[in-house]
Amino acid sequence: HCVRATAGYSCDVDLQLIRAANILKCPEWHKFVILLLDEMYIREDVVYNKHSGRIVGFTDMGDINNHLLAFERSVTGEQRPRQLAKSMLVIMVKGLFTPFKYPYAQFASVNMSADMLFHPFWKSVYRLERMGFKVLGATFDGASVNRRFVKLHNSKEKQLYKVKNVYASDGRSLLFFSDPPHLIKTIRNCWASKCRSLWNNGYDISWKHLEQLYERDSGRTTGLSMIPKLKFEHLNLTPFSKMRVDLAAQVVSESVGKALQL
């Protein structure tokens, strides 16, 4: 029930994915999946892999991207050693109507760009369609790299959210949409930012309103609270707390909205 972790794709991972999803015997609606893409920062380091005899920790974005980067260096005459990876791109398979999820592929990178993301994404779609899955969409955060990646499919479209799945035998489309947890955090971060001015129907939307509500609610002596879930950490954000979806969801919840209206 395990395979050795490697960058890129692996036939062993494909076989294990087929077994885990029971793709040969499952109902047709179990085959509908989406892809989740996320880039995580990692610590720069090199490690000796005793199983393969290789030094790992360098950038590896797949054969095509690696060859293109090497060609670019040869054309420009740039002489530099192989770079250590600073981030890891992970592609995960998630069932659309089932709780099935599986980390499918990972790629070590330094500065991810939209064109470097293009090939790994569509190769993942190709391999999954060959296995028998039906890829209906992909979701990711609102990073500029991801937005440019979507734009690569048709630069003339102002708002592109759907493209043709060229590997689907039935002519299906493939949908792009932002990850809802990241959108919730983005709304909260924009609200808390001192560099942004927000308003609605001519009224300012200020983080100070929430701070005043919290102070007023905390000073109640009756023991009753309009916003019982809001704590100090909700308002005094740190780099770590900004990543927590639960804090963002509680800040923009319906109960907080109603309390602000009182």
C-alpha atoms as a PDB file:
ATOM      1  CA  HIS A   1       0.000   0.000   0.000  1.00  0.00           C
ATOM      2  CA  CYS A   2       2.926   2.382  -0.483  1.00  0.00           C
ATOM      3  CA  VAL A   3       5.213   3.613  -3.228  1.00  0.00           C
ATOM      4  CA  ARG A   4       8.465   5.526  -3.136  1.00  0.00           C
ATOM      5  CA  ALA A   5       7.950   9.233  -3.445  1.00  0.00           C
ATOM      6  CA  THR A   6       9.410  10.732  -6.614  1.00  0.00           C
ATOM      7  CA  ALA A   7       8.983  14.024  -8.422  1.00  0.00           C
ATOM      8  CA  GLY A   8       6.696  13.949 -11.418  1.00  0.00           C
ATOM      9  CA  TYR A   9       4.688  10.915 -12.478  1.00  0.00           C
ATOM     10  CA  SER A  10       5.012   7.255 -11.641  1.00  0.00           C
ATOM     11  CA  CYS A  11       3.396   4.148 -13.097  1.00  0.00           C
ATOM     12  CA  ASP A  12       3.338   2.669  -9.584  1.00  0.00           C
ATOM     13  CA  VAL A  13       1.289   5.661  -8.402  1.00  0.00           C
ATOM     14  CA  ASP A  14      -1.067   5.208 -11.360  1.00  0.00           C
ATOM     15  CA  LEU A  15      -1.661   1.547 -10.453  1.00  0.00           C
ATOM     16  CA  GLN A  16      -2.226   2.365  -6.801  1.00  0.00           C
ATOM     17  CA  LEU A  17      -4.646   5.153  -7.774  1.00  0.00           C
ATOM     18  CA  ILE A  18      -6.637   2.739  -9.962  1.00  0.00           C
ATOM     19  CA  ARG A  19      -6.843   0.247  -7.084  1.00  0.00           C
ATOM     20  CA  ALA A  20      -7.761   2.902  -4.509  1.00  0.00           C
ATOM     21  CA  ALA A  21     -10.596   4.248  -6.671  1.00  0.00           C
ATOM     22  CA  ASN A  22     -11.649   0.747  -7.799  1.00  0.00           C
ATOM     23  CA  ILE A  23     -11.980   2.317 -11.214  1.00  0.00           C
ATOM     24  CA  LEU A  24     -12.700  -0.951 -13.035  1.00  0.00           C
ATOM     25  CA  LYS A  25     -15.779  -1.828 -10.956  1.00  0.00           C
ATOM     26  CA  CYS A  26     -17.082   1.487  -9.605  1.00  0.00           C
ATOM     27  CA  PRO A  27     -20.283   3.154 -10.881  1.00  0.00           C
ATOM     28  CA  GLU A  28     -19.919   5.684 -13.658  1.00  0.00           C
ATOM     29  CA  TRP A  29     -20.629   8.673 -11.401  1.00  0.00           C
ATOM     30  CA  HIS A  30     -17.731   7.654  -9.125  1.00  0.00           C
ATOM     31  CA  LYS A  31     -15.332   8.402 -11.985  1.00  0.00           C
ATOM     32  CA  PHE A  32     -16.045  12.142 -12.042  1.00  0.00           C
ATOM     33  CA  VAL A  33     -13.110  13.980 -10.452  1.00  0.00           C
ATOM     34  CA  ILE A  34     -11.540  17.419 -10.239  1.00  0.00           C
ATOM     35  CA  LEU A  35      -7.907  18.415  -9.813  1.00  0.00           C
ATOM     36  CA  LEU A  36      -6.677  20.456  -6.867  1.00  0.00           C
ATOM     37  CA  LEU A  37      -3.465  22.420  -7.454  1.00  0.00           C
ATOM     38  CA  ASP A  38      -1.505  24.081  -4.686  1.00  0.00           C
ATOM     39  CA  GLU A  39       2.047  25.327  -4.229  1.00  0.00           C
ATOM     40  CA  MET A  40       3.658  24.952  -0.814  1.00  0.00           C
ATOM     41  CA  TYR A  41       6.918  26.476   0.333  1.00  0.00           C
ATOM     42  CA  ILE A  42       9.568  24.066   1.582  1.00  0.00           C
ATOM     43  CA  ARG A  43      12.964  24.359   3.216  1.00  0.00           C
ATOM     44  CA  GLU A  44      15.909  24.410   0.823  1.00  0.00           C
ATOM     45  CA  ASP A  45      18.074  21.341   1.344  1.00  0.00           C
ATOM     46  CA  VAL A  46      19.605  18.348  -0.434  1.00  0.00           C
ATOM     47  CA  VAL A  47      19.178  14.750   0.674  1.00  0.00           C
ATOM     48  CA  TYR A  48      20.756  11.533  -0.534  1.00  0.00           C
ATOM     49  CA  ASN A  49      18.162   8.965  -1.605  1.00  0.00           C
ATOM     50  CA  LYS A  50      19.646   5.565  -0.729  1.00  0.00           C
ATOM     51  CA  HIS A  51      17.057   3.726  -2.832  1.00  0.00           C
ATOM     52  CA  SER A  52      17.758   5.533  -6.103  1.00  0.00           C
ATOM     53  CA  GLY A  53      21.330   6.696  -5.410  1.00  0.00           C
ATOM     54  CA  ARG A  54      20.395  10.258  -6.374  1.00  0.00           C
ATOM     55  CA  ILE A  55      20.708  13.600  -4.636  1.00  0.00           C
ATOM     56  CA  VAL A  56      17.222  15.116  -4.296  1.00  0.00           C
ATOM     57  CA  GLY A  57      16.265  18.656  -3.413  1.00  0.00           C
ATOM     58  CA  PHE A  58      16.902  20.336  -6.763  1.00  0.00           C
ATOM     59  CA  THR A  59      14.192  21.763  -9.004  1.00  0.00           C
ATOM     60  CA  ASP A  60      12.359  19.216 -11.136  1.00  0.00           C
ATOM     61  CA  MET A  61       9.361  20.371 -13.187  1.00  0.00           C
ATOM     62  CA  GLY A  62       9.122  17.375 -15.489  1.00  0.00           C
ATOM     63  CA  ASP A  63      11.113  16.389 -18.563  1.00  0.00           C
ATOM     64  CA  ILE A  64       9.753  19.005 -20.987  1.00  0.00           C
ATOM     65  CA  ASN A  65      10.128  21.926 -18.584  1.00  0.00           C
ATOM     66  CA  ASN A  66      13.592  20.759 -17.546  1.00  0.00           C
ATOM     67  CA  HIS A  67      14.717  20.544 -21.179  1.00  0.00           C
ATOM     68  CA  LEU A  68      13.248  23.970 -21.973  1.00  0.00           C
ATOM     69  CA  LEU A  69      15.056  25.543 -19.031  1.00  0.00           C
ATOM     70  CA  ALA A  70      18.322  23.874 -20.066  1.00  0.00           C
ATOM     71  CA  PHE A  71      17.839  25.102 -23.652  1.00  0.00           C
ATOM     72  CA  GLU A  72      17.166  28.637 -22.410  1.00  0.00           C
ATOM     73  CA  ARG A  73      20.387  28.597 -20.397  1.00  0.00           C
ATOM     74  CA  SER A  74      22.377  27.342 -23.393  1.00  0.00           C
ATOM     75  CA  VAL A  75      20.956  30.070 -25.654  1.00  0.00           C
ATOM     76  CA  THR A  76      21.589  32.893 -23.204  1.00  0.00           C
ATOM     77  CA  GLY A  77      25.015  31.491 -22.269  1.00  0.00           C
ATOM     78  CA  GLU A  78      24.070  31.582 -18.606  1.00  0.00           C
ATOM     79  CA  GLN A  79      26.268  29.357 -16.481  1.00  0.00           C
ATOM     80  CA  ARG A  80      24.789  28.559 -13.100  1.00  0.00           C
ATOM     81  CA  PRO A  81      24.493  25.459 -10.923  1.00  0.00           C
ATOM     82  CA  ARG A  82      21.246  23.604 -10.491  1.00  0.00           C
ATOM     83  CA  GLN A  83      18.919  25.501  -8.206  1.00  0.00           C
ATOM     84  CA  LEU A  84      17.578  24.185  -4.935  1.00  0.00           C
ATOM     85  CA  ALA A  85      13.797  23.931  -4.804  1.00  0.00           C
ATOM     86  CA  LYS A  86      11.961  26.469  -2.670  1.00  0.00           C
ATOM     87  CA  SER A  87       8.422  25.262  -3.260  1.00  0.00           C
ATOM     88  CA  MET A  88       6.508  22.126  -4.171  1.00  0.00           C
ATOM     89  CA  LEU A  89       3.614  22.039  -6.618  1.00  0.00           C
ATOM     90  CA  VAL A  90       1.136  19.314  -5.631  1.00  0.00           C
ATOM     91  CA  ILE A  91      -1.613  17.979  -7.895  1.00  0.00           C
ATOM     92  CA  MET A  92      -4.356  16.090  -6.062  1.00  0.00           C
ATOM     93  CA  VAL A  93      -7.277  14.089  -7.438  1.00  0.00           C
ATOM     94  CA  LYS A  94     -10.608  14.642  -5.658  1.00  0.00           C
ATOM     95  CA  GLY A  95     -13.862  12.835  -6.293  1.00  0.00           C
ATOM     96  CA  LEU A  96     -16.668  15.181  -7.299  1.00  0.00           C
ATOM     97  CA  PHE A  97     -19.485  13.122  -5.755  1.00  0.00           C
ATOM     98  CA  THR A  98     -17.447  10.937  -3.402  1.00  0.00           C
ATOM     99  CA  PRO A  99     -15.006  11.573  -0.516  1.00  0.00           C
ATOM    100  CA  PHE A 100     -12.191  10.032  -2.564  1.00  0.00           C
ATOM    101  CA  LYS A 101      -8.959  12.042  -2.658  1.00  0.00           C
ATOM    102  CA  TYR A 102      -5.445  11.111  -3.689  1.00  0.00           C
ATOM    103  CA  PRO A 103      -2.174  13.096  -3.989  1.00  0.00           C
ATOM    104  CA  TYR A 104      -1.205  12.325  -7.556  1.00  0.00           C
ATOM    105  CA  ALA A 105       1.968  14.212  -8.529  1.00  0.00           C
ATOM    106  CA  GLN A 106       4.422  16.723  -7.114  1.00  0.00           C
ATOM    107  CA  PHE A 107       7.009  18.983  -8.733  1.00  0.00           C
ATOM    108  CA  ALA A 108       9.871  20.858  -7.061  1.00  0.00           C
ATOM    109  CA  SER A 109      10.343  24.428  -8.283  1.00  0.00           C
ATOM    110  CA  VAL A 110      11.882  27.814  -7.497  1.00  0.00           C
ATOM    111  CA  ASN A 111       9.784  30.399  -9.298  1.00  0.00           C
ATOM    112  CA  MET A 112       6.661  28.810 -10.722  1.00  0.00           C
ATOM    113  CA  SER A 113       5.339  30.426 -13.902  1.00  0.00           C
ATOM    114  CA  ALA A 114       2.148  29.939 -15.876  1.00  0.00           C
ATOM    115  CA  ASP A 115       3.865  28.298 -18.849  1.00  0.00           C
ATOM    116  CA  MET A 116       5.680  25.851 -16.545  1.00  0.00           C
ATOM    117  CA  LEU A 117       2.343  24.869 -15.007  1.00  0.00           C
ATOM    118  CA  PHE A 118       0.692  24.222 -18.364  1.00  0.00           C
ATOM    119  CA  HIS A 119       2.371  20.916 -19.249  1.00  0.00           C
ATOM    120  CA  PRO A 120       2.122  19.167 -15.836  1.00  0.00           C
ATOM    121  CA  PHE A 121      -1.543  20.076 -15.598  1.00  0.00           C
ATOM    122  CA  TRP A 122      -2.564  18.734 -18.997  1.00  0.00           C
ATOM    123  CA  LYS A 123      -0.363  15.679 -18.681  1.00  0.00           C
ATOM    124  CA  SER A 124      -2.177  14.875 -15.438  1.00  0.00           C
ATOM    125  CA  VAL A 125      -5.508  15.230 -17.240  1.00  0.00           C
ATOM    126  CA  TYR A 126      -4.269  12.963 -20.039  1.00  0.00           C
ATOM    127  CA  ARG A 127      -3.058  10.212 -17.704  1.00  0.00           C
ATOM    128  CA  LEU A 128      -6.209  10.302 -15.580  1.00  0.00           C
ATOM    129  CA  GLU A 129      -8.492  10.129 -18.615  1.00  0.00           C
ATOM    130  CA  ARG A 130      -6.523   7.105 -19.865  1.00  0.00           C
ATOM    131  CA  MET A 131      -7.062   5.382 -16.504  1.00  0.00           C
ATOM    132  CA  GLY A 132     -10.824   5.796 -16.842  1.00  0.00           C
ATOM    133  CA  PHE A 133     -11.436   8.917 -14.743  1.00  0.00           C
ATOM    134  CA  LYS A 134     -13.508  11.793 -16.082  1.00  0.00           C
ATOM    135  CA  VAL A 135     -11.834  15.106 -15.211  1.00  0.00           C
ATOM    136  CA  LEU A 136     -14.458  17.839 -15.027  1.00  0.00           C
ATOM    137  CA  GLY A 137     -12.524  20.748 -13.571  1.00  0.00           C
ATOM    138  CA  ALA A 138      -9.642  22.183 -11.610  1.00  0.00           C
ATOM    139  CA  THR A 139      -9.486  24.448  -8.589  1.00  0.00           C
ATOM    140  CA  PHE A 140      -6.652  26.527  -7.145  1.00  0.00           C
ATOM    141  CA  ASP A 141      -6.054  29.724  -5.215  1.00  0.00           C
ATOM    142  CA  GLY A 142      -6.144  33.185  -6.718  1.00  0.00           C
ATOM    143  CA  ALA A 143      -2.376  33.582  -7.144  1.00  0.00           C
ATOM    144  CA  SER A 144      -1.275  35.547 -10.193  1.00  0.00           C
ATOM    145  CA  VAL A 145       0.484  32.458 -11.590  1.00  0.00           C
ATOM    146  CA  ASN A 146      -2.780  30.510 -11.614  1.00  0.00           C
ATOM    147  CA  ARG A 147      -4.703  33.373 -13.207  1.00  0.00           C
ATOM    148  CA  ARG A 148      -2.110  33.677 -15.976  1.00  0.00           C
ATOM    149  CA  PHE A 149      -2.214  29.901 -16.466  1.00  0.00           C
ATOM    150  CA  VAL A 150      -5.955  30.050 -17.148  1.00  0.00           C
ATOM    151  CA  LYS A 151      -5.423  33.017 -19.480  1.00  0.00           C
ATOM    152  CA  LEU A 152      -2.936  30.997 -21.555  1.00  0.00           C
ATOM    153  CA  HIS A 153      -5.823  28.917 -22.904  1.00  0.00           C
ATOM    154  CA  ASN A 154      -7.417  31.934 -24.586  1.00  0.00           C
ATOM    155  CA  SER A 155      -5.901  35.371 -24.146  1.00  0.00           C
ATOM    156  CA  LYS A 156      -8.809  37.034 -25.981  1.00  0.00           C
ATOM    157  CA  GLU A 157     -11.406  36.029 -23.398  1.00  0.00           C
ATOM    158  CA  LYS A 158     -11.847  38.577 -20.619  1.00  0.00           C
ATOM    159  CA  GLN A 159     -13.192  36.055 -18.116  1.00  0.00           C
ATOM    160  CA  LEU A 160     -12.244  32.514 -19.010  1.00  0.00           C
ATOM    161  CA  TYR A 161     -13.633  29.701 -16.883  1.00  0.00           C
ATOM    162  CA  LYS A 162     -14.179  26.842 -19.347  1.00  0.00           C
ATOM    163  CA  VAL A 163     -12.026  25.111 -21.962  1.00  0.00           C
ATOM    164  CA  LYS A 164     -12.395  21.987 -24.024  1.00  0.00           C
ATOM    165  CA  ASN A 165     -10.980  18.831 -22.479  1.00  0.00           C
ATOM    166  CA  VAL A 166      -9.043  17.630 -25.501  1.00  0.00           C
ATOM    167  CA  TYR A 167      -8.430  14.213 -23.911  1.00  0.00           C
ATOM    168  CA  ALA A 168     -12.093  13.477 -23.187  1.00  0.00           C
ATOM    169  CA  SER A 169     -13.587  10.963 -25.588  1.00  0.00           C
ATOM    170  CA  ASP A 170     -17.079  12.446 -25.153  1.00  0.00           C
ATOM    171  CA  GLY A 171     -16.074  16.066 -25.862  1.00  0.00           C
ATOM    172  CA  ARG A 172     -16.480  17.258 -22.283  1.00  0.00           C
ATOM    173  CA  SER A 173     -15.470  20.723 -21.159  1.00  0.00           C
ATOM    174  CA  LEU A 174     -13.116  21.401 -18.256  1.00  0.00           C
ATOM    175  CA  LEU A 175     -14.004  24.134 -15.750  1.00  0.00           C
ATOM    176  CA  PHE A 176     -11.622  26.404 -13.819  1.00  0.00           C
ATOM    177  CA  PHE A 177     -12.720  27.908 -10.513  1.00  0.00           C
ATOM    178  CA  SER A 178     -11.064  29.433  -7.482  1.00  0.00           C
ATOM    179  CA  ASP A 179     -10.791  27.496  -4.258  1.00  0.00           C
ATOM    180  CA  PRO A 180     -13.586  28.725  -1.896  1.00  0.00           C
ATOM    181  CA  PRO A 181     -11.431  28.610   1.294  1.00  0.00           C
ATOM    182  CA  HIS A 182      -8.853  30.856  -0.378  1.00  0.00           C
ATOM    183  CA  LEU A 183     -11.597  33.251  -1.497  1.00  0.00           C
ATOM    184  CA  ILE A 184     -12.864  33.510   2.084  1.00  0.00           C
ATOM    185  CA  LYS A 185      -9.362  34.296   3.323  1.00  0.00           C
ATOM    186  CA  THR A 186      -8.902  36.855   0.538  1.00  0.00           C
ATOM    187  CA  ILE A 187     -12.094  38.679   1.566  1.00  0.00           C
ATOM    188  CA  ARG A 188     -10.999  38.777   5.210  1.00  0.00           C
ATOM    189  CA  ASN A 189      -7.444  39.892   4.303  1.00  0.00           C
ATOM    190  CA  CYS A 190      -8.742  42.715   2.096  1.00  0.00           C
ATOM    191  CA  TRP A 191     -11.025  43.824   4.922  1.00  0.00           C
ATOM    192  CA  ALA A 192      -8.156  43.793   7.429  1.00  0.00           C
ATOM    193  CA  SER A 193      -5.646  45.480   5.106  1.00  0.00           C
ATOM    194  CA  LYS A 194      -4.737  49.075   5.898  1.00  0.00           C
ATOM    195  CA  CYS A 195      -3.789  49.643   2.252  1.00  0.00           C
ATOM    196  CA  ARG A 196      -7.282  49.011   0.868  1.00  0.00           C
ATOM    197  CA  SER A 197     -10.413  51.135   1.021  1.00  0.00           C
ATOM    198  CA  LEU A 198     -13.662  49.177   0.808  1.00  0.00           C
ATOM    199  CA  TRP A 199     -17.215  50.474   0.601  1.00  0.00           C
ATOM    200  CA  ASN A 200     -20.731  49.328  -0.219  1.00  0.00           C
ATOM    201  CA  ASN A 201     -23.715  51.495  -1.175  1.00  0.00           C
ATOM    202  CA  GLY A 202     -21.772  54.606  -0.231  1.00  0.00           C
ATOM    203  CA  TYR A 203     -20.780  53.312   3.236  1.00  0.00           C
ATOM    204  CA  ASP A 204     -17.211  52.539   4.289  1.00  0.00           C
ATOM    205  CA  ILE A 205     -16.293  48.975   5.217  1.00  0.00           C
ATOM    206  CA  SER A 206     -13.570  49.308   7.824  1.00  0.00           C
ATOM    207  CA  TRP A 207     -11.763  46.801  10.026  1.00  0.00           C
ATOM    208  CA  LYS A 208     -12.183  49.345  12.835  1.00  0.00           C
ATOM    209  CA  HIS A 209     -15.906  48.603  12.830  1.00  0.00           C
ATOM    210  CA  LEU A 210     -15.165  44.998  13.755  1.00  0.00           C
ATOM    211  CA  GLU A 211     -12.648  46.047  16.410  1.00  0.00           C
ATOM    212  CA  GLN A 212     -15.196  48.430  17.976  1.00  0.00           C
ATOM    213  CA  LEU A 213     -17.840  45.699  17.916  1.00  0.00           C
ATOM    214  CA  TYR A 214     -15.469  43.281  19.634  1.00  0.00           C
ATOM    215  CA  GLU A 215     -14.533  45.811  22.333  1.00  0.00           C
ATOM    216  CA  ARG A 216     -18.177  46.690  22.964  1.00  0.00           C
ATOM    217  CA  ASP A 217     -19.227  43.048  23.078  1.00  0.00           C
ATOM    218  CA  SER A 218     -16.339  42.034  25.357  1.00  0.00           C
ATOM    219  CA  GLY A 219     -17.309  44.763  27.846  1.00  0.00           C
ATOM    220  CA  ARG A 220     -20.800  43.381  28.414  1.00  0.00           C
ATOM    221  CA  THR A 221     -21.528  42.438  32.023  1.00  0.00           C
ATOM    222  CA  THR A 222     -24.665  40.409  31.293  1.00  0.00           C
ATOM    223  CA  GLY A 223     -22.740  37.388  30.083  1.00  0.00           C
ATOM    224  CA  LEU A 224     -24.590  37.434  26.762  1.00  0.00           C
ATOM    225  CA  SER A 225     -22.539  37.894  23.605  1.00  0.00           C
ATOM    226  CA  MET A 226     -23.569  38.708  20.049  1.00  0.00           C
ATOM    227  CA  ILE A 227     -20.273  37.367  18.660  1.00  0.00           C
ATOM    228  CA  PRO A 228     -19.248  34.531  21.026  1.00  0.00           C
ATOM    229  CA  LYS A 229     -16.842  32.931  18.538  1.00  0.00           C
ATOM    230  CA  LEU A 230     -14.722  36.021  17.911  1.00  0.00           C
ATOM    231  CA  LYS A 231     -11.542  36.083  19.994  1.00  0.00           C
ATOM    232  CA  PHE A 232      -8.358  38.138  20.166  1.00  0.00           C
ATOM    233  CA  GLU A 233      -6.718  36.042  17.438  1.00  0.00           C
ATOM    234  CA  HIS A 234      -9.490  36.840  14.981  1.00  0.00           C
ATOM    235  CA  LEU A 235      -8.655  40.544  14.993  1.00  0.00           C
ATOM    236  CA  ASN A 236      -4.907  40.534  15.653  1.00  0.00           C
ATOM    237  CA  LEU A 237      -3.675  38.599  12.652  1.00  0.00           C
ATOM    238  CA  THR A 238      -0.226  37.026  12.340  1.00  0.00           C
ATOM    239  CA  PRO A 239       1.378  35.415   9.274  1.00  0.00           C
ATOM    240  CA  PHE A 240       0.288  32.018  10.625  1.00  0.00           C
ATOM    241  CA  SER A 241      -3.268  32.969  11.620  1.00  0.00           C
ATOM    242  CA  LYS A 242      -3.834  34.505   8.171  1.00  0.00           C
ATOM    243  CA  MET A 243      -3.575  30.977   6.761  1.00  0.00           C
ATOM    244  CA  ARG A 244      -6.337  29.563   8.972  1.00  0.00           C
ATOM    245  CA  VAL A 245      -9.613  29.226   7.096  1.00  0.00           C
ATOM    246  CA  ASP A 246     -11.699  28.796  10.259  1.00  0.00           C
ATOM    247  CA  LEU A 247     -10.722  32.230  11.573  1.00  0.00           C
ATOM    248  CA  ALA A 248     -11.576  33.883   8.252  1.00  0.00           C
ATOM    249  CA  ALA A 249     -14.928  32.071   7.983  1.00  0.00           C
ATOM    250  CA  GLN A 250     -15.937  33.126  11.496  1.00  0.00           C
ATOM    251  CA  VAL A 251     -15.027  36.775  10.801  1.00  0.00           C
ATOM    252  CA  VAL A 252     -17.202  36.969   7.661  1.00  0.00           C
ATOM    253  CA  SER A 253     -19.999  34.839   9.135  1.00  0.00           C
ATOM    254  CA  GLU A 254     -23.681  35.759   9.129  1.00  0.00           C
ATOM    255  CA  SER A 255     -23.722  36.327  12.905  1.00  0.00           C
ATOM    256  CA  VAL A 256     -20.952  38.932  12.675  1.00  0.00           C
ATOM    257  CA  GLY A 257     -22.754  40.655   9.803  1.00  0.00           C
ATOM    258  CA  LYS A 258     -25.972  40.904  11.812  1.00  0.00           C
ATOM    259  CA  ALA A 259     -24.096  42.166  14.878  1.00  0.00           C
ATOM    260  CA  LEU A 260     -22.497  44.919  12.794  1.00  0.00           C
ATOM    261  CA  GLN A 261     -25.923  46.059  11.626  1.00  0.00           C
ATOM    262  CA  LEU A 262     -27.205  46.585  15.189  1.00  0.00           C
END
